[in-house]
Amino acid sequence: MIICHLNICWTSLLVLTLVILFAMSSDADEKYVSVDFEVFGNVQGGYLRQYTEAEGKNLGVTGWVKNTRQGTVVGQVQGPPEKVKEMKHWLSKVGSPSSRIERTQFSNERRISKLEIRGFGTRY
């Protein structure tokens, strides 16, 4: 009888361990975040594109940035969640010294297992 209970305990412990390991490996597979952005306001004359590239490099995130014909600045940021969060704050509230950000729109935010972009650069 005791042996039977021990087998059940060991089996339950093994199943629980496997479930925990699977959950941990799933989180590890999605350790980065990717998000698209568009910044509205007086942002092109304020050199936001150049400052965004510099800030991205400074924070250690990857991505790209470019000016649009509509007068906005668009791009994508990828990296660890905390660093991407810092970049989102910078894009929304700080920007370049001479830009005037009215609003910033973020879209397509998703978890990714590996960085899809190398470095941070300007696209034309």
PDB file of N, CA and C in Angstrom:
ATOM      1  N   MET A   1       0.822  -1.194   0.000  1.00  0.00           N
ATOM      2  CA  MET A   1       0.000   0.000   0.000  1.00  0.00           C
ATOM      3  C   MET A   1       0.864   1.255   0.000  1.00  0.00           C
ATOM      4  N   ILE A   2       1.895   1.283   0.812  1.00  0.00           N
ATOM      5  CA  ILE A   2       2.792   2.442   0.873  1.00  0.00           C
ATOM      6  C   ILE A   2       3.508   2.613  -0.463  1.00  0.00           C
ATOM      7  N   ILE A   3       3.918   1.529  -1.078  1.00  0.00           N
ATOM      8  CA  ILE A   3       4.599   1.589  -2.368  1.00  0.00           C
ATOM      9  C   ILE A   3       3.678   2.219  -3.411  1.00  0.00           C
ATOM     10  N   CYS A   4       2.443   1.855  -3.406  1.00  0.00           N
ATOM     11  CA  CYS A   4       1.470   2.403  -4.342  1.00  0.00           C
ATOM     12  C   CYS A   4       1.324   3.912  -4.150  1.00  0.00           C
ATOM     13  N   HIS A   5       1.248   4.351  -2.910  1.00  0.00           N
ATOM     14  CA  HIS A   5       1.161   5.782  -2.653  1.00  0.00           C
ATOM     15  C   HIS A   5       2.429   6.500  -3.095  1.00  0.00           C
ATOM     16  N   LEU A   6       3.575   5.891  -2.885  1.00  0.00           N
ATOM     17  CA  LEU A   6       4.832   6.499  -3.305  1.00  0.00           C
ATOM     18  C   LEU A   6       4.893   6.622  -4.820  1.00  0.00           C
ATOM     19  N   ASN A   7       4.423   5.596  -5.537  1.00  0.00           N
ATOM     20  CA  ASN A   7       4.417   5.665  -6.992  1.00  0.00           C
ATOM     21  C   ASN A   7       3.522   6.795  -7.490  1.00  0.00           C
ATOM     22  N   ILE A   8       2.376   6.938  -6.850  1.00  0.00           N
ATOM     23  CA  ILE A   8       1.470   8.020  -7.230  1.00  0.00           C
ATOM     24  C   ILE A   8       2.125   9.371  -6.938  1.00  0.00           C
ATOM     25  N   CYS A   9       2.773   9.488  -5.788  1.00  0.00           N
ATOM     26  CA  CYS A   9       3.457  10.742  -5.444  1.00  0.00           C
ATOM     27  C   CYS A   9       4.574  11.052  -6.423  1.00  0.00           C
ATOM     28  N   TRP A  10       5.382  10.048  -6.751  1.00  0.00           N
ATOM     29  CA  TRP A  10       6.484  10.280  -7.690  1.00  0.00           C
ATOM     30  C   TRP A  10       5.956  10.623  -9.074  1.00  0.00           C
ATOM     31  N   THR A  11       4.906   9.959  -9.485  1.00  0.00           N
ATOM     32  CA  THR A  11       4.312  10.245 -10.791  1.00  0.00           C
ATOM     33  C   THR A  11       3.761  11.670 -10.823  1.00  0.00           C
ATOM     34  N   SER A  12       3.059  12.059  -9.775  1.00  0.00           N
ATOM     35  CA  SER A  12       2.519  13.420  -9.697  1.00  0.00           C
ATOM     36  C   SER A  12       3.630  14.453  -9.692  1.00  0.00           C
ATOM     37  N   LEU A  13       4.688  14.171  -8.939  1.00  0.00           N
ATOM     38  CA  LEU A  13       5.828  15.094  -8.870  1.00  0.00           C
ATOM     39  C   LEU A  13       6.496  15.225 -10.229  1.00  0.00           C
ATOM     40  N   LEU A  14       6.641  14.111 -10.934  1.00  0.00           N
ATOM     41  CA  LEU A  14       7.255  14.133 -12.257  1.00  0.00           C
ATOM     42  C   LEU A  14       6.402  14.951 -13.231  1.00  0.00           C
ATOM     43  N   VAL A  15       5.099  14.728 -13.218  1.00  0.00           N
ATOM     44  CA  VAL A  15       4.197  15.473 -14.112  1.00  0.00           C
ATOM     45  C   VAL A  15       4.251  16.961 -13.794  1.00  0.00           C
ATOM     46  N   LEU A  16       4.217  17.313 -12.513  1.00  0.00           N
ATOM     47  CA  LEU A  16       4.290  18.713 -12.107  1.00  0.00           C
ATOM     48  C   LEU A  16       5.606  19.351 -12.543  1.00  0.00           C
ATOM     49  N   THR A  17       6.690  18.641 -12.382  1.00  0.00           N
ATOM     50  CA  THR A  17       8.004  19.140 -12.805  1.00  0.00           C
ATOM     51  C   THR A  17       8.030  19.389 -14.310  1.00  0.00           C
ATOM     52  N   LEU A  18       7.488  18.458 -15.083  1.00  0.00           N
ATOM     53  CA  LEU A  18       7.460  18.623 -16.540  1.00  0.00           C
ATOM     54  C   LEU A  18       6.603  19.811 -16.960  1.00  0.00           C
ATOM     55  N   VAL A  19       5.481  20.007 -16.292  1.00  0.00           N
ATOM     56  CA  VAL A  19       4.615  21.151 -16.592  1.00  0.00           C
ATOM     57  C   VAL A  19       5.347  22.458 -16.302  1.00  0.00           C
ATOM     58  N   ILE A  20       6.031  22.530 -15.178  1.00  0.00           N
ATOM     59  CA  ILE A  20       6.783  23.742 -14.820  1.00  0.00           C
ATOM     60  C   ILE A  20       7.898  23.992 -15.811  1.00  0.00           C
ATOM     61  N   LEU A  21       8.651  22.959 -16.164  1.00  0.00           N
ATOM     62  CA  LEU A  21       9.740  23.124 -17.131  1.00  0.00           C
ATOM     63  C   LEU A  21       9.222  23.574 -18.492  1.00  0.00           C
ATOM     64  N   PHE A  22       8.094  23.032 -18.920  1.00  0.00           N
ATOM     65  CA  PHE A  22       7.506  23.440 -20.196  1.00  0.00           C
ATOM     66  C   PHE A  22       7.092  24.905 -20.154  1.00  0.00           C
ATOM     67  N   ALA A  23       6.461  25.303 -19.053  1.00  0.00           N
ATOM     68  CA  ALA A  23       6.038  26.700 -18.911  1.00  0.00           C
ATOM     69  C   ALA A  23       7.231  27.633 -18.921  1.00  0.00           C
ATOM     70  N   MET A  24       8.300  27.251 -18.245  1.00  0.00           N
ATOM     71  CA  MET A  24       9.499  28.094 -18.208  1.00  0.00           C
ATOM     72  C   MET A  24      10.149  28.179 -19.583  1.00  0.00           C
ATOM     73  N   SER A  25      10.175  27.080 -20.316  1.00  0.00           N
ATOM     74  CA  SER A  25      10.790  27.112 -21.642  1.00  0.00           C
ATOM     75  C   SER A  25       9.952  27.933 -22.609  1.00  0.00           C
ATOM     76  N   SER A  26       8.631  27.928 -22.453  1.00  0.00           N
ATOM     77  CA  SER A  26       7.766  28.732 -23.313  1.00  0.00           C
ATOM     78  C   SER A  26       8.028  30.214 -23.086  1.00  0.00           C
ATOM     79  N   ASP A  27       8.179  30.632 -21.823  1.00  0.00           N
ATOM     80  CA  ASP A  27       8.497  32.025 -21.530  1.00  0.00           C
ATOM     81  C   ASP A  27       9.856  32.398 -22.086  1.00  0.00           C
ATOM     82  N   ALA A  28      10.808  31.488 -21.985  1.00  0.00           N
ATOM     83  CA  ALA A  28      12.160  31.769 -22.468  1.00  0.00           C
ATOM     84  C   ALA A  28      12.174  31.933 -23.981  1.00  0.00           C
ATOM     85  N   ASP A  29      11.250  31.248 -24.680  1.00  0.00           N
ATOM     86  CA  ASP A  29      11.195  31.352 -26.131  1.00  0.00           C
ATOM     87  C   ASP A  29      10.679  32.716 -26.581  1.00  0.00           C
ATOM     88  N   GLU A  30      10.038  33.464 -25.701  1.00  0.00           N
ATOM     89  CA  GLU A  30       9.479  34.765 -26.062  1.00  0.00           C
ATOM     90  C   GLU A  30      10.046  35.830 -25.128  1.00  0.00           C
ATOM     91  N   LYS A  31      11.353  36.014 -25.190  1.00  0.00           N
ATOM     92  CA  LYS A  31      11.992  36.931 -24.248  1.00  0.00           C
ATOM     93  C   LYS A  31      12.123  38.347 -24.782  1.00  0.00           C
ATOM     94  N   TYR A  32      11.696  38.590 -26.009  1.00  0.00           N
ATOM     95  CA  TYR A  32      11.775  39.923 -26.593  1.00  0.00           C
ATOM     96  C   TYR A  32      10.384  40.423 -26.968  1.00  0.00           C
ATOM     97  N   VAL A  33      10.307  41.728 -27.198  1.00  0.00           N
ATOM     98  CA  VAL A  33       9.070  42.370 -27.637  1.00  0.00           C
ATOM     99  C   VAL A  33       9.363  43.149 -28.907  1.00  0.00           C
ATOM    100  N   SER A  34       8.391  43.198 -29.795  1.00  0.00           N
ATOM    101  CA  SER A  34       8.478  44.001 -31.018  1.00  0.00           C
ATOM    102  C   SER A  34       7.251  44.893 -31.068  1.00  0.00           C
ATOM    103  N   VAL A  35       7.431  46.148 -31.440  1.00  0.00           N
ATOM    104  CA  VAL A  35       6.298  47.065 -31.545  1.00  0.00           C
ATOM    105  C   VAL A  35       6.559  48.076 -32.669  1.00  0.00           C
ATOM    106  N   ASP A  36       5.510  48.387 -33.422  1.00  0.00           N
ATOM    107  CA  ASP A  36       5.568  49.421 -34.455  1.00  0.00           C
ATOM    108  C   ASP A  36       5.097  50.730 -33.837  1.00  0.00           C
ATOM    109  N   PHE A  37       5.579  51.852 -34.366  1.00  0.00           N
ATOM    110  CA  PHE A  37       5.161  53.154 -33.838  1.00  0.00           C
ATOM    111  C   PHE A  37       5.012  54.175 -34.946  1.00  0.00           C
ATOM    112  N   GLU A  38       4.195  55.202 -34.657  1.00  0.00           N
ATOM    113  CA  GLU A  38       4.068  56.377 -35.518  1.00  0.00           C
ATOM    114  C   GLU A  38       3.920  57.583 -34.595  1.00  0.00           C
ATOM    115  N   VAL A  39       4.785  58.570 -34.817  1.00  0.00           N
ATOM    116  CA  VAL A  39       4.798  59.772 -33.976  1.00  0.00           C
ATOM    117  C   VAL A  39       4.228  60.933 -34.784  1.00  0.00           C
ATOM    118  N   PHE A  40       3.245  61.635 -34.191  1.00  0.00           N
ATOM    119  CA  PHE A  40       2.561  62.747 -34.831  1.00  0.00           C
ATOM    120  C   PHE A  40       2.938  64.053 -34.137  1.00  0.00           C
ATOM    121  N   GLY A  41       2.923  65.130 -34.890  1.00  0.00           N
ATOM    122  CA  GLY A  41       3.231  66.458 -34.363  1.00  0.00           C
ATOM    123  C   GLY A  41       4.271  67.136 -35.235  1.00  0.00           C
ATOM    124  N   ASN A  42       4.960  68.113 -34.674  1.00  0.00           N
ATOM    125  CA  ASN A  42       6.059  68.769 -35.382  1.00  0.00           C
ATOM    126  C   ASN A  42       7.310  67.956 -35.087  1.00  0.00           C
ATOM    127  N   VAL A  43       7.471  66.877 -35.833  1.00  0.00           N
ATOM    128  CA  VAL A  43       8.534  65.930 -35.505  1.00  0.00           C
ATOM    129  C   VAL A  43       9.632  65.833 -36.562  1.00  0.00           C
ATOM    130  N   GLN A  44       9.313  66.107 -37.810  1.00  0.00           N
ATOM    131  CA  GLN A  44      10.358  66.008 -38.826  1.00  0.00           C
ATOM    132  C   GLN A  44      11.312  67.195 -38.771  1.00  0.00           C
ATOM    133  N   GLY A  45      10.790  68.385 -38.586  1.00  0.00           N
ATOM    134  CA  GLY A  45      11.653  69.561 -38.485  1.00  0.00           C
ATOM    135  C   GLY A  45      12.457  69.571 -37.197  1.00  0.00           C
ATOM    136  N   GLY A  46      12.044  68.738 -36.248  1.00  0.00           N
ATOM    137  CA  GLY A  46      12.733  68.666 -34.963  1.00  0.00           C
ATOM    138  C   GLY A  46      13.768  67.560 -34.908  1.00  0.00           C
ATOM    139  N   TYR A  47      14.084  66.988 -36.047  1.00  0.00           N
ATOM    140  CA  TYR A  47      15.122  65.953 -36.156  1.00  0.00           C
ATOM    141  C   TYR A  47      14.821  64.715 -35.310  1.00  0.00           C
ATOM    142  N   LEU A  48      13.548  64.393 -35.156  1.00  0.00           N
ATOM    143  CA  LEU A  48      13.181  63.241 -34.333  1.00  0.00           C
ATOM    144  C   LEU A  48      13.767  61.944 -34.886  1.00  0.00           C
ATOM    145  N   ARG A  49      13.825  61.823 -36.204  1.00  0.00           N
ATOM    146  CA  ARG A  49      14.348  60.589 -36.802  1.00  0.00           C
ATOM    147  C   ARG A  49      15.776  60.323 -36.340  1.00  0.00           C
ATOM    148  N   GLN A  50      16.633  61.326 -36.419  1.00  0.00           N
ATOM    149  CA  GLN A  50      18.032  61.141 -36.025  1.00  0.00           C
ATOM    150  C   GLN A  50      18.160  60.854 -34.526  1.00  0.00           C
ATOM    151  N   TYR A  51      17.396  61.570 -33.719  1.00  0.00           N
ATOM    152  CA  TYR A  51      17.450  61.362 -32.270  1.00  0.00           C
ATOM    153  C   TYR A  51      16.885  59.993 -31.892  1.00  0.00           C
ATOM    154  N   THR A  52      15.869  59.520 -32.624  1.00  0.00           N
ATOM    155  CA  THR A  52      15.298  58.195 -32.349  1.00  0.00           C
ATOM    156  C   THR A  52      16.333  57.115 -32.612  1.00  0.00           C
ATOM    157  N   GLU A  53      17.055  57.225 -33.704  1.00  0.00           N
ATOM    158  CA  GLU A  53      18.114  56.259 -34.005  1.00  0.00           C
ATOM    159  C   GLU A  53      19.166  56.264 -32.891  1.00  0.00           C
ATOM    160  N   ALA A  54      19.578  57.438 -32.455  1.00  0.00           N
ATOM    161  CA  ALA A  54      20.580  57.541 -31.391  1.00  0.00           C
ATOM    162  C   ALA A  54      20.053  56.974 -30.070  1.00  0.00           C
ATOM    163  N   GLU A  55      18.803  57.266 -29.736  1.00  0.00           N
ATOM    164  CA  GLU A  55      18.220  56.762 -28.486  1.00  0.00           C
ATOM    165  C   GLU A  55      18.076  55.244 -28.528  1.00  0.00           C
ATOM    166  N   GLY A  56      17.686  54.709 -29.671  1.00  0.00           N
ATOM    167  CA  GLY A  56      17.586  53.256 -29.809  1.00  0.00           C
ATOM    168  C   GLY A  56      18.926  52.580 -29.578  1.00  0.00           C
ATOM    169  N   LYS A  57      19.967  53.143 -30.155  1.00  0.00           N
ATOM    170  CA  LYS A  57      21.313  52.593 -29.950  1.00  0.00           C
ATOM    171  C   LYS A  57      21.742  52.737 -28.499  1.00  0.00           C
ATOM    172  N   ASN A  58      21.428  53.882 -27.901  1.00  0.00           N
ATOM    173  CA  ASN A  58      21.785  54.129 -26.504  1.00  0.00           C
ATOM    174  C   ASN A  58      21.114  53.116 -25.559  1.00  0.00           C
ATOM    175  N   LEU A  59      19.841  52.790 -25.820  1.00  0.00           N
ATOM    176  CA  LEU A  59      19.111  51.847 -24.979  1.00  0.00           C
ATOM    177  C   LEU A  59      19.467  50.392 -25.287  1.00  0.00           C
ATOM    178  N   GLY A  60      20.088  50.163 -26.437  1.00  0.00           N
ATOM    179  CA  GLY A  60      20.452  48.798 -26.807  1.00  0.00           C
ATOM    180  C   GLY A  60      19.323  48.006 -27.432  1.00  0.00           C
ATOM    181  N   VAL A  61      18.319  48.706 -28.000  1.00  0.00           N
ATOM    182  CA  VAL A  61      17.255  48.017 -28.715  1.00  0.00           C
ATOM    183  C   VAL A  61      17.590  48.009 -30.199  1.00  0.00           C
ATOM    184  N   THR A  62      16.904  47.183 -30.948  1.00  0.00           N
ATOM    185  CA  THR A  62      17.097  47.152 -32.388  1.00  0.00           C
ATOM    186  C   THR A  62      15.851  47.718 -33.057  1.00  0.00           C
ATOM    187  N   GLY A  63      15.990  48.085 -34.328  1.00  0.00           N
ATOM    188  CA  GLY A  63      14.829  48.589 -35.043  1.00  0.00           C
ATOM    189  C   GLY A  63      15.196  49.515 -36.172  1.00  0.00           C
ATOM    190  N   TRP A  64      14.209  50.258 -36.596  1.00  0.00           N
ATOM    191  CA  TRP A  64      14.398  51.212 -37.686  1.00  0.00           C
ATOM    192  C   TRP A  64      13.435  52.378 -37.503  1.00  0.00           C
ATOM    193  N   VAL A  65      13.739  53.464 -38.212  1.00  0.00           N
ATOM    194  CA  VAL A  65      12.932  54.679 -38.151  1.00  0.00           C
ATOM    195  C   VAL A  65      12.992  55.363 -39.513  1.00  0.00           C
ATOM    196  N   LYS A  66      11.906  56.054 -39.886  1.00  0.00           N
ATOM    197  CA  LYS A  66      11.942  56.842 -41.122  1.00  0.00           C
ATOM    198  C   LYS A  66      10.874  57.924 -41.088  1.00  0.00           C
ATOM    199  N   ASN A  67      11.111  58.980 -41.847  1.00  0.00           N
ATOM    200  CA  ASN A  67      10.129  60.044 -42.033  1.00  0.00           C
ATOM    201  C   ASN A  67       9.112  59.592 -43.076  1.00  0.00           C
ATOM    202  N   THR A  68       7.865  60.057 -42.933  1.00  0.00           N
ATOM    203  CA  THR A  68       6.847  59.752 -43.935  1.00  0.00           C
ATOM    204  C   THR A  68       6.517  61.022 -44.716  1.00  0.00           C
ATOM    205  N   ARG A  69       5.847  60.862 -45.837  1.00  0.00           N
ATOM    206  CA  ARG A  69       5.409  62.006 -46.638  1.00  0.00           C
ATOM    207  C   ARG A  69       4.307  62.789 -45.931  1.00  0.00           C
ATOM    208  N   GLN A  70       3.644  62.163 -44.962  1.00  0.00           N
ATOM    209  CA  GLN A  70       2.561  62.810 -44.226  1.00  0.00           C
ATOM    210  C   GLN A  70       3.085  63.669 -43.067  1.00  0.00           C
ATOM    211  N   GLY A  71       4.407  63.700 -42.877  1.00  0.00           N
ATOM    212  CA  GLY A  71       4.988  64.526 -41.820  1.00  0.00           C
ATOM    213  C   GLY A  71       5.143  63.826 -40.488  1.00  0.00           C
ATOM    214  N   THR A  72       4.912  62.510 -40.467  1.00  0.00           N
ATOM    215  CA  THR A  72       5.083  61.754 -39.226  1.00  0.00           C
ATOM    216  C   THR A  72       6.414  61.000 -39.267  1.00  0.00           C
ATOM    217  N   VAL A  73       6.731  60.362 -38.162  1.00  0.00           N
ATOM    218  CA  VAL A  73       7.910  59.503 -38.085  1.00  0.00           C
ATOM    219  C   VAL A  73       7.400  58.114 -37.694  1.00  0.00           C
ATOM    220  N   VAL A  74       7.793  57.088 -38.476  1.00  0.00           N
ATOM    221  CA  VAL A  74       7.361  55.719 -38.208  1.00  0.00           C
ATOM    222  C   VAL A  74       8.573  54.826 -37.984  1.00  0.00           C
ATOM    223  N   GLY A  75       8.309  53.672 -37.389  1.00  0.00           N
ATOM    224  CA  GLY A  75       9.395  52.720 -37.208  1.00  0.00           C
ATOM    225  C   GLY A  75       8.975  51.508 -36.428  1.00  0.00           C
ATOM    226  N   GLN A  76       9.975  50.742 -36.051  1.00  0.00           N
ATOM    227  CA  GLN A  76       9.758  49.529 -35.276  1.00  0.00           C
ATOM    228  C   GLN A  76      10.887  49.403 -34.261  1.00  0.00           C
ATOM    229  N   VAL A  77      10.542  48.927 -33.070  1.00  0.00           N
ATOM    230  CA  VAL A  77      11.513  48.721 -31.999  1.00  0.00           C
ATOM    231  C   VAL A  77      11.403  47.282 -31.525  1.00  0.00           C
ATOM    232  N   GLN A  78      12.552  46.641 -31.293  1.00  0.00           N
ATOM    233  CA  GLN A  78      12.587  45.290 -30.763  1.00  0.00           C
ATOM    234  C   GLN A  78      13.630  45.206 -29.659  1.00  0.00           C
ATOM    235  N   GLY A  79      13.346  44.402 -28.645  1.00  0.00           N
ATOM    236  CA  GLY A  79      14.300  44.208 -27.575  1.00  0.00           C
ATOM    237  C   GLY A  79      13.648  43.651 -26.332  1.00  0.00           C
ATOM    238  N   PRO A  80      14.394  43.621 -25.227  1.00  0.00           N
ATOM    239  CA  PRO A  80      13.818  43.165 -23.963  1.00  0.00           C
ATOM    240  C   PRO A  80      12.645  44.060 -23.569  1.00  0.00           C
ATOM    241  N   PRO A  81      11.611  43.495 -22.961  1.00  0.00           N
ATOM    242  CA  PRO A  81      10.408  44.276 -22.635  1.00  0.00           C
ATOM    243  C   PRO A  81      10.679  45.587 -21.897  1.00  0.00           C
ATOM    244  N   GLU A  82      11.552  45.590 -20.927  1.00  0.00           N
ATOM    245  CA  GLU A  82      11.824  46.816 -20.165  1.00  0.00           C
ATOM    246  C   GLU A  82      12.469  47.898 -21.035  1.00  0.00           C
ATOM    247  N   LYS A  83      13.366  47.498 -21.918  1.00  0.00           N
ATOM    248  CA  LYS A  83      14.028  48.467 -22.804  1.00  0.00           C
ATOM    249  C   LYS A  83      13.053  49.019 -23.840  1.00  0.00           C
ATOM    250  N   VAL A  84      12.184  48.162 -24.353  1.00  0.00           N
ATOM    251  CA  VAL A  84      11.171  48.620 -25.311  1.00  0.00           C
ATOM    252  C   VAL A  84      10.203  49.580 -24.614  1.00  0.00           C
ATOM    253  N   LYS A  85       9.873  49.286 -23.373  1.00  0.00           N
ATOM    254  CA  LYS A  85       9.002  50.178 -22.600  1.00  0.00           C
ATOM    255  C   LYS A  85       9.653  51.550 -22.432  1.00  0.00           C
ATOM    256  N   GLU A  86      10.955  51.581 -22.160  1.00  0.00           N
ATOM    257  CA  GLU A  86      11.677  52.855 -22.048  1.00  0.00           C
ATOM    258  C   GLU A  86      11.643  53.612 -23.371  1.00  0.00           C
ATOM    259  N   MET A  87      11.823  52.890 -24.474  1.00  0.00           N
ATOM    260  CA  MET A  87      11.808  53.531 -25.792  1.00  0.00           C
ATOM    261  C   MET A  87      10.425  54.066 -26.112  1.00  0.00           C
ATOM    262  N   LYS A  88       9.374  53.342 -25.735  1.00  0.00           N
ATOM    263  CA  LYS A  88       8.005  53.812 -25.962  1.00  0.00           C
ATOM    264  C   LYS A  88       7.757  55.108 -25.180  1.00  0.00           C
ATOM    265  N   HIS A  89       8.237  55.162 -23.967  1.00  0.00           N
ATOM    266  CA  HIS A  89       8.088  56.382 -23.171  1.00  0.00           C
ATOM    267  C   HIS A  89       8.834  57.538 -23.844  1.00  0.00           C
ATOM    268  N   TRP A  90      10.049  57.286 -24.286  1.00  0.00           N
ATOM    269  CA  TRP A  90      10.851  58.322 -24.939  1.00  0.00           C
ATOM    270  C   TRP A  90      10.130  58.833 -26.194  1.00  0.00           C
ATOM    271  N   LEU A  91       9.581  57.907 -26.993  1.00  0.00           N
ATOM    272  CA  LEU A  91       8.872  58.284 -28.224  1.00  0.00           C
ATOM    273  C   LEU A  91       7.586  59.052 -27.942  1.00  0.00           C
ATOM    274  N   SER A  92       6.986  58.832 -26.790  1.00  0.00           N
ATOM    275  CA  SER A  92       5.717  59.481 -26.445  1.00  0.00           C
ATOM    276  C   SER A  92       5.886  60.804 -25.726  1.00  0.00           C
ATOM    277  N   LYS A  93       6.876  60.891 -24.861  1.00  0.00           N
ATOM    278  CA  LYS A  93       6.975  62.020 -23.932  1.00  0.00           C
ATOM    279  C   LYS A  93       8.227  62.881 -24.072  1.00  0.00           C
ATOM    280  N   VAL A  94       9.302  62.337 -24.618  1.00  0.00           N
ATOM    281  CA  VAL A  94      10.577  63.068 -24.627  1.00  0.00           C
ATOM    282  C   VAL A  94      10.912  63.555 -26.036  1.00  0.00           C
ATOM    283  N   GLY A  95      11.294  62.648 -26.902  1.00  0.00           N
ATOM    284  CA  GLY A  95      11.644  63.006 -28.275  1.00  0.00           C
ATOM    285  C   GLY A  95      12.907  63.840 -28.366  1.00  0.00           C
ATOM    286  N   SER A  96      13.103  64.461 -29.505  1.00  0.00           N
ATOM    287  CA  SER A  96      14.272  65.327 -29.694  1.00  0.00           C
ATOM    288  C   SER A  96      14.004  66.685 -29.044  1.00  0.00           C
ATOM    289  N   PRO A  97      15.070  67.424 -28.753  1.00  0.00           N
ATOM    290  CA  PRO A  97      14.893  68.712 -28.070  1.00  0.00           C
ATOM    291  C   PRO A  97      13.966  69.691 -28.790  1.00  0.00           C
ATOM    292  N   SER A  98      13.982  69.701 -30.126  1.00  0.00           N
ATOM    293  CA  SER A  98      13.169  70.686 -30.833  1.00  0.00           C
ATOM    294  C   SER A  98      11.897  70.105 -31.459  1.00  0.00           C
ATOM    295  N   SER A  99      11.586  68.825 -31.181  1.00  0.00           N
ATOM    296  CA  SER A  99      10.338  68.267 -31.709  1.00  0.00           C
ATOM    297  C   SER A  99       9.188  68.572 -30.752  1.00  0.00           C
ATOM    298  N   ARG A 100       7.988  68.570 -31.296  1.00  0.00           N
ATOM    299  CA  ARG A 100       6.779  68.745 -30.493  1.00  0.00           C
ATOM    300  C   ARG A 100       5.865  67.555 -30.766  1.00  0.00           C
ATOM    301  N   ILE A 101       5.872  66.602 -29.865  1.00  0.00           N
ATOM    302  CA  ILE A 101       5.085  65.383 -30.041  1.00  0.00           C
ATOM    303  C   ILE A 101       3.649  65.646 -29.599  1.00  0.00           C
ATOM    304  N   GLU A 102       2.715  65.456 -30.528  1.00  0.00           N
ATOM    305  CA  GLU A 102       1.285  65.575 -30.189  1.00  0.00           C
ATOM    306  C   GLU A 102       0.768  64.257 -29.632  1.00  0.00           C
ATOM    307  N   ARG A 103       1.119  63.166 -30.324  1.00  0.00           N
ATOM    308  CA  ARG A 103       0.719  61.838 -29.864  1.00  0.00           C
ATOM    309  C   ARG A 103       1.589  60.796 -30.559  1.00  0.00           C
ATOM    310  N   THR A 104       1.646  59.631 -29.947  1.00  0.00           N
ATOM    311  CA  THR A 104       2.369  58.508 -30.531  1.00  0.00           C
ATOM    312  C   THR A 104       1.442  57.307 -30.530  1.00  0.00           C
ATOM    313  N   GLN A 105       1.376  56.652 -31.659  1.00  0.00           N
ATOM    314  CA  GLN A 105       0.509  55.492 -31.814  1.00  0.00           C
ATOM    315  C   GLN A 105       1.376  54.238 -31.905  1.00  0.00           C
ATOM    316  N   PHE A 106       1.091  53.246 -31.056  1.00  0.00           N
ATOM    317  CA  PHE A 106       1.810  51.981 -31.069  1.00  0.00           C
ATOM    318  C   PHE A 106       0.872  50.895 -31.578  1.00  0.00           C
ATOM    319  N   SER A 107       1.407  49.991 -32.388  1.00  0.00           N
ATOM    320  CA  SER A 107       0.585  48.913 -32.940  1.00  0.00           C
ATOM    321  C   SER A 107       1.429  47.654 -33.111  1.00  0.00           C
ATOM    322  N   ASN A 108       0.755  46.568 -33.359  1.00  0.00           N
ATOM    323  CA  ASN A 108       1.397  45.296 -33.661  1.00  0.00           C
ATOM    324  C   ASN A 108       2.401  44.873 -32.574  1.00  0.00           C
ATOM    325  N   GLU A 109       2.081  45.165 -31.309  1.00  0.00           N
ATOM    326  CA  GLU A 109       2.989  44.750 -30.236  1.00  0.00           C
ATOM    327  C   GLU A 109       2.852  43.248 -30.030  1.00  0.00           C
ATOM    328  N   ARG A 110       4.011  42.580 -30.006  1.00  0.00           N
ATOM    329  CA  ARG A 110       3.994  41.116 -29.877  1.00  0.00           C
ATOM    330  C   ARG A 110       5.274  40.625 -29.238  1.00  0.00           C
ATOM    331  N   ARG A 111       5.195  39.438 -28.660  1.00  0.00           N
ATOM    332  CA  ARG A 111       6.369  38.809 -28.082  1.00  0.00           C
ATOM    333  C   ARG A 111       7.064  38.015 -29.179  1.00  0.00           C
ATOM    334  N   ILE A 112       8.387  38.050 -29.187  1.00  0.00           N
ATOM    335  CA  ILE A 112       9.170  37.313 -30.180  1.00  0.00           C
ATOM    336  C   ILE A 112      10.270  36.536 -29.464  1.00  0.00           C
ATOM    337  N   SER A 113      10.696  35.439 -30.071  1.00  0.00           N
ATOM    338  CA  SER A 113      11.711  34.599 -29.445  1.00  0.00           C
ATOM    339  C   SER A 113      13.127  35.072 -29.756  1.00  0.00           C
ATOM    340  N   LYS A 114      13.299  35.763 -30.888  1.00  0.00           N
ATOM    341  CA  LYS A 114      14.622  36.289 -31.238  1.00  0.00           C
ATOM    342  C   LYS A 114      14.445  37.600 -31.982  1.00  0.00           C
ATOM    343  N   LEU A 115      15.479  38.427 -31.926  1.00  0.00           N
ATOM    344  CA  LEU A 115      15.431  39.716 -32.619  1.00  0.00           C
ATOM    345  C   LEU A 115      15.410  39.485 -34.121  1.00  0.00           C
ATOM    346  N   GLU A 116      14.542  40.186 -34.807  1.00  0.00           N
ATOM    347  CA  GLU A 116      14.393  40.043 -36.255  1.00  0.00           C
ATOM    348  C   GLU A 116      15.160  41.117 -37.025  1.00  0.00           C
ATOM    349  N   ILE A 117      15.664  42.107 -36.297  1.00  0.00           N
ATOM    350  CA  ILE A 117      16.381  43.234 -36.907  1.00  0.00           C
ATOM    351  C   ILE A 117      17.724  43.362 -36.211  1.00  0.00           C
ATOM    352  N   ARG A 118      18.757  43.650 -36.984  1.00  0.00           N
ATOM    353  CA  ARG A 118      20.089  43.871 -36.410  1.00  0.00           C
ATOM    354  C   ARG A 118      20.365  45.358 -36.339  1.00  0.00           C
ATOM    355  N   GLY A 119      20.786  45.835 -35.174  1.00  0.00           N
ATOM    356  CA  GLY A 119      21.128  47.231 -35.011  1.00  0.00           C
ATOM    357  C   GLY A 119      19.907  48.141 -35.055  1.00  0.00           C
ATOM    358  N   PHE A 120      20.160  49.436 -35.046  1.00  0.00           N
ATOM    359  CA  PHE A 120      19.073  50.422 -35.157  1.00  0.00           C
ATOM    360  C   PHE A 120      19.481  51.407 -36.237  1.00  0.00           C
ATOM    361  N   GLY A 121      18.661  51.540 -37.280  1.00  0.00           N
ATOM    362  CA  GLY A 121      19.041  52.388 -38.392  1.00  0.00           C
ATOM    363  C   GLY A 121      17.888  53.177 -38.986  1.00  0.00           C
ATOM    364  N   THR A 122      18.246  54.035 -39.906  1.00  0.00           N
ATOM    365  CA  THR A 122      17.274  54.874 -40.619  1.00  0.00           C
ATOM    366  C   THR A 122      16.947  54.208 -41.944  1.00  0.00           C
ATOM    367  N   ARG A 123      15.671  54.198 -42.277  1.00  0.00           N
ATOM    368  CA  ARG A 123      15.239  53.723 -43.590  1.00  0.00           C
ATOM    369  C   ARG A 123      14.774  54.924 -44.388  1.00  0.00           C
ATOM    370  N   TYR A 124      14.969  54.847 -45.697  1.00  0.00           N
ATOM    371  CA  TYR A 124      14.576  55.957 -46.582  1.00  0.00           C
ATOM    372  C   TYR A 124      13.543  55.525 -47.565  1.00  0.00           C
TER     373      TYR A 124
END
